Amino acid sequence: MLYYAIVFFVIALIAAVFGFGGIAGAATGIAKILFFVFLVLFVISLLVGRRPKI
């Protein structure tokens, strides 16, 4: 998921360089959403992994 966030960020940078503001804004929004979803899933996986096994 982090890979896709980075890909959309690169797409946003390239679109911004070529002057496509709408596409750059949309790609940036998608990259932000994917990054925060990645962070939430990462924290959840850390917390679940630290539970003692019964």
N, C-alpha and C. Protein backbone atom coordinates (compact mmCIF):
# COMPACT_ATOMS: atom_id res chain seq x y z
N MET A 1 0.83 -1.19 0.00
CA MET A 1 0.00 0.00 0.00
C MET A 1 0.87 1.25 0.00
N LEU A 2 1.97 1.20 0.71
CA LEU A 2 2.89 2.33 0.71
C LEU A 2 3.45 2.55 -0.70
N TYR A 3 3.67 1.46 -1.41
CA TYR A 3 4.16 1.55 -2.79
C TYR A 3 3.19 2.35 -3.66
N TYR A 4 1.90 2.06 -3.54
CA TYR A 4 0.91 2.77 -4.34
C TYR A 4 0.81 4.24 -3.94
N ALA A 5 0.99 4.55 -2.66
CA ALA A 5 1.00 5.94 -2.23
C ALA A 5 2.16 6.70 -2.87
N ILE A 6 3.31 6.05 -2.92
CA ILE A 6 4.48 6.68 -3.54
C ILE A 6 4.27 6.85 -5.04
N VAL A 7 3.66 5.85 -5.67
CA VAL A 7 3.40 5.93 -7.12
C VAL A 7 2.47 7.10 -7.42
N PHE A 8 1.38 7.25 -6.65
CA PHE A 8 0.47 8.37 -6.90
C PHE A 8 1.14 9.71 -6.60
N PHE A 9 2.04 9.75 -5.63
CA PHE A 9 2.76 10.99 -5.34
C PHE A 9 3.66 11.36 -6.52
N VAL A 10 4.33 10.39 -7.09
CA VAL A 10 5.18 10.65 -8.26
C VAL A 10 4.34 11.10 -9.44
N ILE A 11 3.18 10.47 -9.63
CA ILE A 11 2.27 10.90 -10.70
C ILE A 11 1.84 12.34 -10.48
N ALA A 12 1.56 12.70 -9.23
CA ALA A 12 1.16 14.08 -8.92
C ALA A 12 2.29 15.06 -9.23
N LEU A 13 3.51 14.69 -8.89
CA LEU A 13 4.65 15.57 -9.18
C LEU A 13 4.83 15.76 -10.68
N ILE A 14 4.74 14.69 -11.43
CA ILE A 14 4.91 14.78 -12.88
C ILE A 14 3.78 15.60 -13.50
N ALA A 15 2.55 15.38 -13.04
CA ALA A 15 1.42 16.15 -13.56
C ALA A 15 1.55 17.63 -13.22
N ALA A 16 2.06 17.93 -12.03
CA ALA A 16 2.25 19.33 -11.64
C ALA A 16 3.32 20.01 -12.50
N VAL A 17 4.37 19.29 -12.83
CA VAL A 17 5.43 19.85 -13.67
C VAL A 17 4.89 20.19 -15.06
N PHE A 18 4.02 19.34 -15.60
CA PHE A 18 3.47 19.58 -16.92
C PHE A 18 2.25 20.50 -16.91
N GLY A 19 1.83 20.94 -15.74
CA GLY A 19 0.76 21.93 -15.66
C GLY A 19 -0.65 21.37 -15.55
N PHE A 20 -0.79 20.10 -15.29
CA PHE A 20 -2.11 19.51 -15.12
C PHE A 20 -2.51 19.60 -13.65
N GLY A 21 -3.05 20.73 -13.25
CA GLY A 21 -3.36 20.98 -11.84
C GLY A 21 -4.43 20.08 -11.28
N GLY A 22 -5.46 19.80 -12.06
CA GLY A 22 -6.55 18.95 -11.57
C GLY A 22 -6.10 17.52 -11.32
N ILE A 23 -5.34 17.00 -12.26
CA ILE A 23 -4.83 15.63 -12.12
C ILE A 23 -3.84 15.56 -10.97
N ALA A 24 -3.01 16.58 -10.82
CA ALA A 24 -2.03 16.59 -9.74
C ALA A 24 -2.73 16.64 -8.39
N GLY A 25 -3.78 17.44 -8.29
CA GLY A 25 -4.52 17.52 -7.02
C GLY A 25 -5.21 16.21 -6.68
N ALA A 26 -5.79 15.57 -7.68
CA ALA A 26 -6.46 14.29 -7.44
C ALA A 26 -5.46 13.21 -7.05
N ALA A 27 -4.34 13.15 -7.72
CA ALA A 27 -3.32 12.15 -7.40
C ALA A 27 -2.74 12.39 -6.02
N THR A 28 -2.59 13.65 -5.63
CA THR A 28 -2.10 13.97 -4.29
C THR A 28 -3.10 13.52 -3.23
N GLY A 29 -4.37 13.74 -3.49
CA GLY A 29 -5.40 13.30 -2.55
C GLY A 29 -5.42 11.80 -2.38
N ILE A 30 -5.30 11.08 -3.48
CA ILE A 30 -5.28 9.62 -3.42
C ILE A 30 -4.04 9.14 -2.67
N ALA A 31 -2.90 9.78 -2.92
CA ALA A 31 -1.66 9.40 -2.23
C ALA A 31 -1.79 9.63 -0.72
N LYS A 32 -2.41 10.73 -0.32
CA LYS A 32 -2.60 11.00 1.11
C LYS A 32 -3.49 9.95 1.75
N ILE A 33 -4.58 9.61 1.10
CA ILE A 33 -5.50 8.60 1.64
C ILE A 33 -4.79 7.26 1.78
N LEU A 34 -4.08 6.84 0.75
CA LEU A 34 -3.38 5.56 0.81
C LEU A 34 -2.31 5.56 1.89
N PHE A 35 -1.62 6.68 2.07
CA PHE A 35 -0.57 6.76 3.09
C PHE A 35 -1.17 6.63 4.48
N PHE A 36 -2.29 7.31 4.74
CA PHE A 36 -2.89 7.23 6.06
C PHE A 36 -3.51 5.85 6.31
N VAL A 37 -4.04 5.22 5.30
CA VAL A 37 -4.54 3.85 5.45
C VAL A 37 -3.38 2.92 5.78
N PHE A 38 -2.24 3.12 5.11
CA PHE A 38 -1.05 2.34 5.41
C PHE A 38 -0.62 2.53 6.86
N LEU A 39 -0.61 3.78 7.33
CA LEU A 39 -0.20 4.03 8.72
C LEU A 39 -1.13 3.36 9.71
N VAL A 40 -2.43 3.43 9.49
CA VAL A 40 -3.39 2.81 10.39
C VAL A 40 -3.19 1.30 10.42
N LEU A 41 -3.06 0.68 9.25
CA LEU A 41 -2.86 -0.76 9.20
C LEU A 41 -1.53 -1.17 9.83
N PHE A 42 -0.52 -0.36 9.66
CA PHE A 42 0.79 -0.63 10.26
C PHE A 42 0.72 -0.61 11.77
N VAL A 43 0.06 0.40 12.33
CA VAL A 43 -0.07 0.51 13.79
C VAL A 43 -0.91 -0.64 14.32
N ILE A 44 -1.98 -0.99 13.64
CA ILE A 44 -2.81 -2.12 14.08
C ILE A 44 -2.01 -3.41 14.07
N SER A 45 -1.22 -3.62 13.03
CA SER A 45 -0.43 -4.84 12.97
C SER A 45 0.64 -4.87 14.06
N LEU A 46 1.19 -3.73 14.41
CA LEU A 46 2.15 -3.68 15.51
C LEU A 46 1.48 -4.02 16.84
N LEU A 47 0.30 -3.48 17.06
CA LEU A 47 -0.40 -3.74 18.32
C LEU A 47 -0.85 -5.19 18.42
N VAL A 48 -1.33 -5.76 17.34
CA VAL A 48 -1.78 -7.15 17.37
C VAL A 48 -0.59 -8.09 17.55
N GLY A 49 0.54 -7.76 16.96
CA GLY A 49 1.72 -8.59 17.06
C GLY A 49 2.33 -8.59 18.46
N ARG A 50 2.07 -7.57 19.26
CA ARG A 50 2.67 -7.46 20.59
C ARG A 50 1.84 -8.13 21.68
N ARG A 51 0.64 -8.61 21.33
CA ARG A 51 -0.20 -9.26 22.33
C ARG A 51 0.43 -10.57 22.77
N PRO A 52 0.34 -10.89 24.05
CA PRO A 52 0.87 -12.19 24.51
C PRO A 52 0.04 -13.33 23.96
N LYS A 53 0.71 -14.39 23.58
CA LYS A 53 0.00 -15.56 23.04
C LYS A 53 -0.45 -16.45 24.18
N ILE A 54 -1.70 -16.84 24.10
CA ILE A 54 -2.27 -17.67 25.17
C ILE A 54 -2.31 -19.12 24.72
